[in-house]
């Protein structure tokens, strides 16, 4: 079940509520008791990072980061690719 954030447009009171996806949004503010409560858009509470099932199973092609610890934006390997063993 997701946690929704609400803010009252009348008094500015903010609250969080654990609700089912199918539940109707709250409308009544617990602080001022007016029907001015609105649902806010917020960021997710977790981030998938590092190696593991998300990194290897759900990314495709060059987006896969199979070398541990490489977080560069281009998705390039952290190891040098020189054929003679010296770093470029």
PDB file of N, CA and C in Angstrom:
ATOM      1  N   UNK A   1       0.852  -1.185   0.000  1.00  0.00           N
ATOM      2  CA  UNK A   1       0.000   0.000   0.000  1.00  0.00           C
ATOM      3  C   UNK A   1       0.893   1.242   0.000  1.00  0.00           C
ATOM      4  N   UNK A   2       0.572   2.203  -0.842  1.00  0.00           N
ATOM      5  CA  UNK A   2       1.381   3.425  -0.895  1.00  0.00           C
ATOM      6  C   UNK A   2       1.020   4.409   0.222  1.00  0.00           C
ATOM      7  N   UNK A   3       1.967   5.272   0.505  1.00  0.00           N
ATOM      8  CA  UNK A   3       1.746   6.364   1.459  1.00  0.00           C
ATOM      9  C   UNK A   3       1.503   7.618   0.638  1.00  0.00           C
ATOM     10  N   UNK A   4       0.348   8.254   0.841  1.00  0.00           N
ATOM     11  CA  UNK A   4       0.003   9.475   0.126  1.00  0.00           C
ATOM     12  C   UNK A   4       0.226  10.677   1.025  1.00  0.00           C
ATOM     13  N   UNK A   5       0.676  11.772   0.427  1.00  0.00           N
ATOM     14  CA  UNK A   5       0.842  13.029   1.154  1.00  0.00           C
ATOM     15  C   UNK A   5      -0.313  13.954   0.787  1.00  0.00           C
ATOM     16  N   UNK A   6      -0.831  14.636   1.775  1.00  0.00           N
ATOM     17  CA  UNK A   6      -1.930  15.579   1.577  1.00  0.00           C
ATOM     18  C   UNK A   6      -1.558  16.931   2.168  1.00  0.00           C
ATOM     19  N   UNK A   7      -2.141  17.988   1.602  1.00  0.00           N
ATOM     20  CA  UNK A   7      -1.969  19.330   2.142  1.00  0.00           C
ATOM     21  C   UNK A   7      -3.307  20.059   2.066  1.00  0.00           C
ATOM     22  N   UNK A   8      -3.660  20.755   3.150  1.00  0.00           N
ATOM     23  CA  UNK A   8      -4.899  21.520   3.193  1.00  0.00           C
ATOM     24  C   UNK A   8      -4.674  22.858   2.497  1.00  0.00           C
ATOM     25  N   UNK A   9      -5.527  23.195   1.543  1.00  0.00           N
ATOM     26  CA  UNK A   9      -5.415  24.459   0.823  1.00  0.00           C
ATOM     27  C   UNK A   9      -5.865  25.630   1.680  1.00  0.00           C
ATOM     28  N   UNK A  10      -6.638  25.363   2.731  1.00  0.00           N
ATOM     29  CA  UNK A  10      -7.133  26.424   3.604  1.00  0.00           C
ATOM     30  C   UNK A  10      -6.127  26.817   4.690  1.00  0.00           C
ATOM     31  N   UNK A  11      -5.610  25.822   5.420  1.00  0.00           N
ATOM     32  CA  UNK A  11      -4.736  26.139   6.559  1.00  0.00           C
ATOM     33  C   UNK A  11      -3.275  25.736   6.351  1.00  0.00           C
ATOM     34  N   UNK A  12      -2.964  24.942   5.301  1.00  0.00           N
ATOM     35  CA  UNK A  12      -1.585  24.540   5.031  1.00  0.00           C
ATOM     36  C   UNK A  12      -1.124  23.304   5.786  1.00  0.00           C
ATOM     37  N   UNK A  13      -2.016  22.688   6.557  1.00  0.00           N
ATOM     38  CA  UNK A  13      -1.660  21.471   7.312  1.00  0.00           C
ATOM     39  C   UNK A  13      -1.286  20.355   6.347  1.00  0.00           C
ATOM     40  N   UNK A  14      -0.198  19.633   6.660  1.00  0.00           N
ATOM     41  CA  UNK A  14       0.261  18.522   5.834  1.00  0.00           C
ATOM     42  C   UNK A  14       0.198  17.235   6.640  1.00  0.00           C
ATOM     43  N   UNK A  15      -0.127  16.129   5.936  1.00  0.00           N
ATOM     44  CA  UNK A  15      -0.166  14.825   6.587  1.00  0.00           C
ATOM     45  C   UNK A  15       0.126  13.736   5.584  1.00  0.00           C
ATOM     46  N   UNK A  16       0.481  12.562   6.101  1.00  0.00           N
ATOM     47  CA  UNK A  16       0.711  11.374   5.290  1.00  0.00           C
ATOM     48  C   UNK A  16      -0.301  10.324   5.709  1.00  0.00           C
ATOM     49  N   UNK A  17      -0.785   9.553   4.736  1.00  0.00           N
ATOM     50  CA  UNK A  17      -1.785   8.535   5.024  1.00  0.00           C
ATOM     51  C   UNK A  17      -1.487   7.281   4.214  1.00  0.00           C
ATOM     52  N   UNK A  18      -1.428   6.151   4.875  1.00  0.00           N
ATOM     53  CA  UNK A  18      -1.243   4.854   4.226  1.00  0.00           C
ATOM     54  C   UNK A  18      -2.613   4.399   3.739  1.00  0.00           C
ATOM     55  N   UNK A  19      -2.775   4.281   2.397  1.00  0.00           N
ATOM     56  CA  UNK A  19      -4.064   3.934   1.818  1.00  0.00           C
ATOM     57  C   UNK A  19      -3.911   2.917   0.700  1.00  0.00           C
ATOM     58  N   UNK A  20      -4.965   2.188   0.441  1.00  0.00           N
ATOM     59  CA  UNK A  20      -5.009   1.286  -0.708  1.00  0.00           C
ATOM     60  C   UNK A  20      -5.091   2.106  -1.986  1.00  0.00           C
ATOM     61  N   UNK A  21      -4.664   1.529  -3.097  1.00  0.00           N
ATOM     62  CA  UNK A  21      -4.767   2.200  -4.382  1.00  0.00           C
ATOM     63  C   UNK A  21      -6.221   2.488  -4.741  1.00  0.00           C
ATOM     64  N   UNK A  22      -7.122   1.611  -4.335  1.00  0.00           N
ATOM     65  CA  UNK A  22      -8.537   1.758  -4.667  1.00  0.00           C
ATOM     66  C   UNK A  22      -9.290   2.695  -3.723  1.00  0.00           C
ATOM     67  N   UNK A  23      -8.652   3.142  -2.638  1.00  0.00           N
ATOM     68  CA  UNK A  23      -9.322   4.008  -1.655  1.00  0.00           C
ATOM     69  C   UNK A  23      -9.533   5.409  -2.220  1.00  0.00           C
ATOM     70  N   UNK A  24     -10.637   6.011  -1.852  1.00  0.00           N
ATOM     71  CA  UNK A  24     -10.941   7.381  -2.276  1.00  0.00           C
ATOM     72  C   UNK A  24      -9.995   8.355  -1.564  1.00  0.00           C
ATOM     73  N   UNK A  25      -9.573   9.423  -2.251  1.00  0.00           N
ATOM     74  CA  UNK A  25      -8.694  10.406  -1.613  1.00  0.00           C
ATOM     75  C   UNK A  25      -9.383  11.094  -0.433  1.00  0.00           C
ATOM     76  N   UNK A  26      -8.588  11.466   0.560  1.00  0.00           N
ATOM     77  CA  UNK A  26      -9.129  12.204   1.704  1.00  0.00           C
ATOM     78  C   UNK A  26      -9.514  13.609   1.250  1.00  0.00           C
ATOM     79  N   UNK A  27     -10.549  14.174   1.872  1.00  0.00           N
ATOM     80  CA  UNK A  27     -10.975  15.525   1.520  1.00  0.00           C
ATOM     81  C   UNK A  27     -11.070  16.452   2.720  1.00  0.00           C
ATOM     82  N   UNK A  28     -11.319  15.900   3.919  1.00  0.00           N
ATOM     83  CA  UNK A  28     -11.502  16.722   5.115  1.00  0.00           C
ATOM     84  C   UNK A  28     -10.210  16.856   5.904  1.00  0.00           C
ATOM     85  N   UNK A  29      -9.812  18.091   6.184  1.00  0.00           N
ATOM     86  CA  UNK A  29      -8.593  18.372   6.943  1.00  0.00           C
ATOM     87  C   UNK A  29      -8.824  18.074   8.420  1.00  0.00           C
ATOM     88  N   UNK A  30      -7.925  17.303   9.063  1.00  0.00           N
ATOM     89  CA  UNK A  30      -8.082  17.011  10.488  1.00  0.00           C
ATOM     90  C   UNK A  30      -7.778  18.223  11.377  1.00  0.00           C
ATOM     91  N   UNK A  31      -7.060  19.210  10.859  1.00  0.00           N
ATOM     92  CA  UNK A  31      -6.700  20.383  11.667  1.00  0.00           C
ATOM     93  C   UNK A  31      -7.808  21.436  11.686  1.00  0.00           C
ATOM     94  N   UNK A  32      -8.304  21.821  10.509  1.00  0.00           N
ATOM     95  CA  UNK A  32      -9.313  22.888  10.453  1.00  0.00           C
ATOM     96  C   UNK A  32     -10.701  22.370  10.089  1.00  0.00           C
ATOM     97  N   UNK A  33     -10.813  21.075   9.778  1.00  0.00           N
ATOM     98  CA  UNK A  33     -12.071  20.395   9.465  1.00  0.00           C
ATOM     99  C   UNK A  33     -12.795  20.934   8.232  1.00  0.00           C
ATOM    100  N   UNK A  34     -12.066  21.581   7.326  1.00  0.00           N
ATOM    101  CA  UNK A  34     -12.653  22.049   6.069  1.00  0.00           C
ATOM    102  C   UNK A  34     -12.378  21.022   4.976  1.00  0.00           C
ATOM    103  N   UNK A  35     -13.154  21.038   3.932  1.00  0.00           N
ATOM    104  CA  UNK A  35     -13.003  20.098   2.816  1.00  0.00           C
ATOM    105  C   UNK A  35     -12.067  20.665   1.759  1.00  0.00           C
ATOM    106  N   UNK A  36     -10.838  20.971   2.161  1.00  0.00           N
ATOM    107  CA  UNK A  36      -9.856  21.597   1.278  1.00  0.00           C
ATOM    108  C   UNK A  36      -8.583  20.762   1.137  1.00  0.00           C
ATOM    109  N   UNK A  37      -8.647  19.493   1.506  1.00  0.00           N
ATOM    110  CA  UNK A  37      -7.460  18.638   1.476  1.00  0.00           C
ATOM    111  C   UNK A  37      -7.199  18.167   0.054  1.00  0.00           C
ATOM    112  N   UNK A  38      -5.947  18.289  -0.395  1.00  0.00           N
ATOM    113  CA  UNK A  38      -5.565  17.853  -1.733  1.00  0.00           C
ATOM    114  C   UNK A  38      -4.348  16.945  -1.668  1.00  0.00           C
ATOM    115  N   UNK A  39      -4.295  15.967  -2.559  1.00  0.00           N
ATOM    116  CA  UNK A  39      -3.187  15.019  -2.614  1.00  0.00           C
ATOM    117  C   UNK A  39      -1.994  15.664  -3.305  1.00  0.00           C
ATOM    118  N   UNK A  40      -0.805  15.471  -2.749  1.00  0.00           N
ATOM    119  CA  UNK A  40       0.425  16.017  -3.313  1.00  0.00           C
ATOM    120  C   UNK A  40       1.152  14.970  -4.142  1.00  0.00           C
ATOM    121  N   UNK A  41       1.963  15.419  -5.074  1.00  0.00           N
ATOM    122  CA  UNK A  41       2.833  14.536  -5.842  1.00  0.00           C
ATOM    123  C   UNK A  41       4.194  14.564  -5.165  1.00  0.00           C
ATOM    124  N   UNK A  42       4.742  13.397  -4.860  1.00  0.00           N
ATOM    125  CA  UNK A  42       6.029  13.348  -4.178  1.00  0.00           C
ATOM    126  C   UNK A  42       6.900  12.268  -4.797  1.00  0.00           C
ATOM    127  N   UNK A  43       8.168  12.304  -4.445  1.00  0.00           N
ATOM    128  CA  UNK A  43       9.135  11.330  -4.957  1.00  0.00           C
ATOM    129  C   UNK A  43       8.954   9.987  -4.267  1.00  0.00           C
ATOM    130  N   UNK A  44       9.403   8.951  -4.943  1.00  0.00           N
ATOM    131  CA  UNK A  44       9.351   7.610  -4.363  1.00  0.00           C
ATOM    132  C   UNK A  44      10.258   7.535  -3.142  1.00  0.00           C
ATOM    133  N   UNK A  45       9.933   6.669  -2.235  1.00  0.00           N
ATOM    134  CA  UNK A  45      10.697   6.539  -1.000  1.00  0.00           C
ATOM    135  C   UNK A  45      11.879   5.603  -1.088  1.00  0.00           C
ATOM    136  N   UNK A  46      12.206   5.080  -2.268  1.00  0.00           N
ATOM    137  CA  UNK A  46      13.344   4.184  -2.404  1.00  0.00           C
ATOM    138  C   UNK A  46      13.980   4.363  -3.777  1.00  0.00           C
ATOM    139  N   UNK A  47      15.212   3.905  -3.887  1.00  0.00           N
ATOM    140  CA  UNK A  47      15.931   3.972  -5.156  1.00  0.00           C
ATOM    141  C   UNK A  47      16.647   2.658  -5.361  1.00  0.00           C
ATOM    142  N   UNK A  48      16.482   2.071  -6.546  1.00  0.00           N
ATOM    143  CA  UNK A  48      17.180   0.840  -6.866  1.00  0.00           C
ATOM    144  C   UNK A  48      18.535   1.202  -7.457  1.00  0.00           C
ATOM    145  N   UNK A  49      19.608   0.779  -6.796  1.00  0.00           N
ATOM    146  CA  UNK A  49      20.942   1.093  -7.296  1.00  0.00           C
ATOM    147  C   UNK A  49      21.864  -0.096  -7.064  1.00  0.00           C
ATOM    148  N   UNK A  50      23.011  -0.042  -7.699  1.00  0.00           N
ATOM    149  CA  UNK A  50      23.977  -1.110  -7.547  1.00  0.00           C
ATOM    150  C   UNK A  50      23.670  -2.281  -8.446  1.00  0.00           C
ATOM    151  N   UNK A  51      24.304  -3.400  -8.188  1.00  0.00           N
ATOM    152  CA  UNK A  51      24.093  -4.587  -8.986  1.00  0.00           C
ATOM    153  C   UNK A  51      22.911  -5.380  -8.474  1.00  0.00           C
ATOM    154  N   UNK A  52      22.623  -6.483  -9.132  1.00  0.00           N
ATOM    155  CA  UNK A  52      21.537  -7.334  -8.678  1.00  0.00           C
ATOM    156  C   UNK A  52      20.463  -7.491  -9.726  1.00  0.00           C
ATOM    157  N   UNK A  53      19.318  -8.001  -9.324  1.00  0.00           N
ATOM    158  CA  UNK A  53      18.259  -8.350 -10.269  1.00  0.00           C
ATOM    159  C   UNK A  53      17.816  -7.164 -11.108  1.00  0.00           C
ATOM    160  N   UNK A  54      17.676  -5.976 -10.529  1.00  0.00           N
ATOM    161  CA  UNK A  54      17.222  -4.810 -11.297  1.00  0.00           C
ATOM    162  C   UNK A  54      18.257  -4.433 -12.345  1.00  0.00           C
ATOM    163  N   UNK A  55      19.507  -4.450 -11.963  1.00  0.00           N
ATOM    164  CA  UNK A  55      20.582  -4.024 -12.855  1.00  0.00           C
ATOM    165  C   UNK A  55      20.794  -4.999 -14.003  1.00  0.00           C
ATOM    166  N   UNK A  56      20.678  -6.283 -13.745  1.00  0.00           N
ATOM    167  CA  UNK A  56      21.003  -7.263 -14.773  1.00  0.00           C
ATOM    168  C   UNK A  56      19.797  -7.793 -15.539  1.00  0.00           C
ATOM    169  N   UNK A  57      18.630  -7.810 -14.959  1.00  0.00           N
ATOM    170  CA  UNK A  57      17.480  -8.444 -15.596  1.00  0.00           C
ATOM    171  C   UNK A  57      16.550  -7.493 -16.340  1.00  0.00           C
ATOM    172  N   UNK A  58      16.461  -6.249 -15.932  1.00  0.00           N
ATOM    173  CA  UNK A  58      15.462  -5.361 -16.510  1.00  0.00           C
ATOM    174  C   UNK A  58      16.029  -4.246 -17.376  1.00  0.00           C
ATOM    175  N   UNK A  59      17.324  -4.145 -17.496  1.00  0.00           N
ATOM    176  CA  UNK A  59      17.925  -3.171 -18.396  1.00  0.00           C
ATOM    177  C   UNK A  59      18.398  -3.907 -19.638  1.00  0.00           C
ATOM    178  N   UNK A  60      18.386  -3.227 -20.763  1.00  0.00           N
ATOM    179  CA  UNK A  60      18.759  -3.881 -22.010  1.00  0.00           C
ATOM    180  C   UNK A  60      19.959  -3.210 -22.657  1.00  0.00           C
ATOM    181  N   UNK A  61      20.693  -3.977 -23.432  1.00  0.00           N
ATOM    182  CA  UNK A  61      21.792  -3.453 -24.240  1.00  0.00           C
ATOM    183  C   UNK A  61      22.840  -2.702 -23.445  1.00  0.00           C
ATOM    184  N   UNK A  62      23.180  -1.492 -23.908  1.00  0.00           N
ATOM    185  CA  UNK A  62      24.243  -0.705 -23.290  1.00  0.00           C
ATOM    186  C   UNK A  62      23.824  -0.096 -21.959  1.00  0.00           C
ATOM    187  N   UNK A  63      22.555  -0.191 -21.611  1.00  0.00           N
ATOM    188  CA  UNK A  63      22.088   0.352 -20.329  1.00  0.00           C
ATOM    189  C   UNK A  63      22.470  -0.537 -19.159  1.00  0.00           C
ATOM    190  N   UNK A  64      22.811  -1.802 -19.439  1.00  0.00           N
ATOM    191  CA  UNK A  64      23.211  -2.711 -18.372  1.00  0.00           C
ATOM    192  C   UNK A  64      24.543  -2.275 -17.796  1.00  0.00           C
ATOM    193  N   UNK A  65      24.663  -2.327 -16.497  1.00  0.00           N
ATOM    194  CA  UNK A  65      25.883  -1.962 -15.798  1.00  0.00           C
ATOM    195  C   UNK A  65      26.373  -3.215 -15.084  1.00  0.00           C
ATOM    196  N   UNK A  66      27.014  -4.098 -15.810  1.00  0.00           N
ATOM    197  CA  UNK A  66      27.402  -5.385 -15.258  1.00  0.00           C
ATOM    198  C   UNK A  66      28.678  -5.340 -14.429  1.00  0.00           C
ATOM    199  N   UNK A  67      29.474  -4.272 -14.541  1.00  0.00           N
ATOM    200  CA  UNK A  67      30.690  -4.127 -13.760  1.00  0.00           C
ATOM    201  C   UNK A  67      30.322  -3.429 -12.462  1.00  0.00           C
ATOM    202  N   UNK A  68      30.569  -4.047 -11.334  1.00  0.00           N
ATOM    203  CA  UNK A  68      30.204  -3.484 -10.037  1.00  0.00           C
ATOM    204  C   UNK A  68      30.863  -2.147  -9.770  1.00  0.00           C
ATOM    205  N   UNK A  69      30.064  -1.196  -9.273  1.00  0.00           N
ATOM    206  CA  UNK A  69      30.593   0.095  -8.859  1.00  0.00           C
ATOM    207  C   UNK A  69      30.647   1.147  -9.936  1.00  0.00           C
ATOM    208  N   UNK A  70      30.329   0.839 -11.173  1.00  0.00           N
ATOM    209  CA  UNK A  70      30.363   1.839 -12.236  1.00  0.00           C
ATOM    210  C   UNK A  70      29.035   2.557 -12.301  1.00  0.00           C
ATOM    211  N   UNK A  71      29.022   3.825 -11.933  1.00  0.00           N
ATOM    212  CA  UNK A  71      27.796   4.616 -11.942  1.00  0.00           C
ATOM    213  C   UNK A  71      27.871   5.764 -12.930  1.00  0.00           C
ATOM    214  N   UNK A  72      28.776   5.695 -13.914  1.00  0.00           N
ATOM    215  CA  UNK A  72      28.884   6.797 -14.861  1.00  0.00           C
ATOM    216  C   UNK A  72      27.668   6.820 -15.777  1.00  0.00           C
ATOM    217  N   UNK A  73      27.351   7.990 -16.313  1.00  0.00           N
ATOM    218  CA  UNK A  73      26.122   8.199 -17.074  1.00  0.00           C
ATOM    219  C   UNK A  73      26.095   7.447 -18.391  1.00  0.00           C
ATOM    220  N   UNK A  74      27.244   7.159 -18.962  1.00  0.00           N
ATOM    221  CA  UNK A  74      27.280   6.515 -20.264  1.00  0.00           C
ATOM    222  C   UNK A  74      27.105   5.015 -20.223  1.00  0.00           C
ATOM    223  N   UNK A  75      27.106   4.408 -19.043  1.00  0.00           N
ATOM    224  CA  UNK A  75      26.961   2.972 -18.928  1.00  0.00           C
ATOM    225  C   UNK A  75      28.199   2.224 -19.369  1.00  0.00           C
ATOM    226  N   UNK A  76      29.378   2.890 -19.392  1.00  0.00           N
ATOM    227  CA  UNK A  76      30.618   2.274 -19.840  1.00  0.00           C
ATOM    228  C   UNK A  76      31.239   1.474 -18.716  1.00  0.00           C
ATOM    229  N   UNK A  77      32.037   0.529 -19.073  1.00  0.00           N
ATOM    230  CA  UNK A  77      32.710  -0.307 -18.104  1.00  0.00           C
ATOM    231  C   UNK A  77      33.767   0.497 -17.349  1.00  0.00           C
ATOM    232  N   UNK A  78      33.984   0.139 -16.079  1.00  0.00           N
ATOM    233  CA  UNK A  78      34.977   0.837 -15.267  1.00  0.00           C
ATOM    234  C   UNK A  78      36.396   0.305 -15.518  1.00  0.00           C
ATOM    235  N   UNK A  79      36.539  -0.809 -16.253  1.00  0.00           N
ATOM    236  CA  UNK A  79      37.846  -1.384 -16.510  1.00  0.00           C
ATOM    237  C   UNK A  79      38.397  -0.877 -17.842  1.00  0.00           C
ATOM    238  N   UNK A  80      39.736  -0.721 -17.952  1.00  0.00           N
ATOM    239  CA  UNK A  80      40.311  -0.262 -19.224  1.00  0.00           C
ATOM    240  C   UNK A  80      40.130  -1.320 -20.298  1.00  0.00           C
ATOM    241  N   UNK A  81      40.013  -0.880 -21.538  1.00  0.00           N
ATOM    242  CA  UNK A  81      39.760  -1.824 -22.632  1.00  0.00           C
ATOM    243  C   UNK A  81      40.972  -1.983 -23.545  1.00  0.00           C
ATOM    244  N   UNK A  82      42.150  -1.722 -23.042  1.00  0.00           N
ATOM    245  CA  UNK A  82      43.361  -1.847 -23.852  1.00  0.00           C
ATOM    246  C   UNK A  82      43.706  -3.320 -24.021  1.00  0.00           C
ATOM    247  N   UNK A  83      44.177  -3.716 -25.217  1.00  0.00           N
ATOM    248  CA  UNK A  83      44.492  -5.116 -25.504  1.00  0.00           C
ATOM    249  C   UNK A  83      45.842  -5.546 -24.929  1.00  0.00           C
ATOM    250  N   UNK A  84      46.761  -4.614 -24.739  1.00  0.00           N
ATOM    251  CA  UNK A  84      48.091  -5.005 -24.274  1.00  0.00           C
ATOM    252  C   UNK A  84      48.233  -4.937 -22.753  1.00  0.00           C
ATOM    253  N   UNK A  85      47.142  -4.648 -22.032  1.00  0.00           N
ATOM    254  CA  UNK A  85      47.196  -4.691 -20.570  1.00  0.00           C
ATOM    255  C   UNK A  85      47.563  -3.353 -19.943  1.00  0.00           C
ATOM    256  N   UNK A  86      47.877  -2.335 -20.720  1.00  0.00           N
ATOM    257  CA  UNK A  86      48.192  -1.035 -20.123  1.00  0.00           C
ATOM    258  C   UNK A  86      46.969  -0.132 -20.218  1.00  0.00           C
ATOM    259  N   UNK A  87      46.871   0.736 -19.245  1.00  0.00           N
ATOM    260  CA  UNK A  87      45.726   1.664 -19.207  1.00  0.00           C
ATOM    261  C   UNK A  87      45.888   2.717 -20.285  1.00  0.00           C
ATOM    262  N   UNK A  88      44.806   3.109 -20.899  1.00  0.00           N
ATOM    263  CA  UNK A  88      44.852   4.106 -21.977  1.00  0.00           C
ATOM    264  C   UNK A  88      44.828   5.506 -21.431  1.00  0.00           C
TER     265      UNK A  88
END
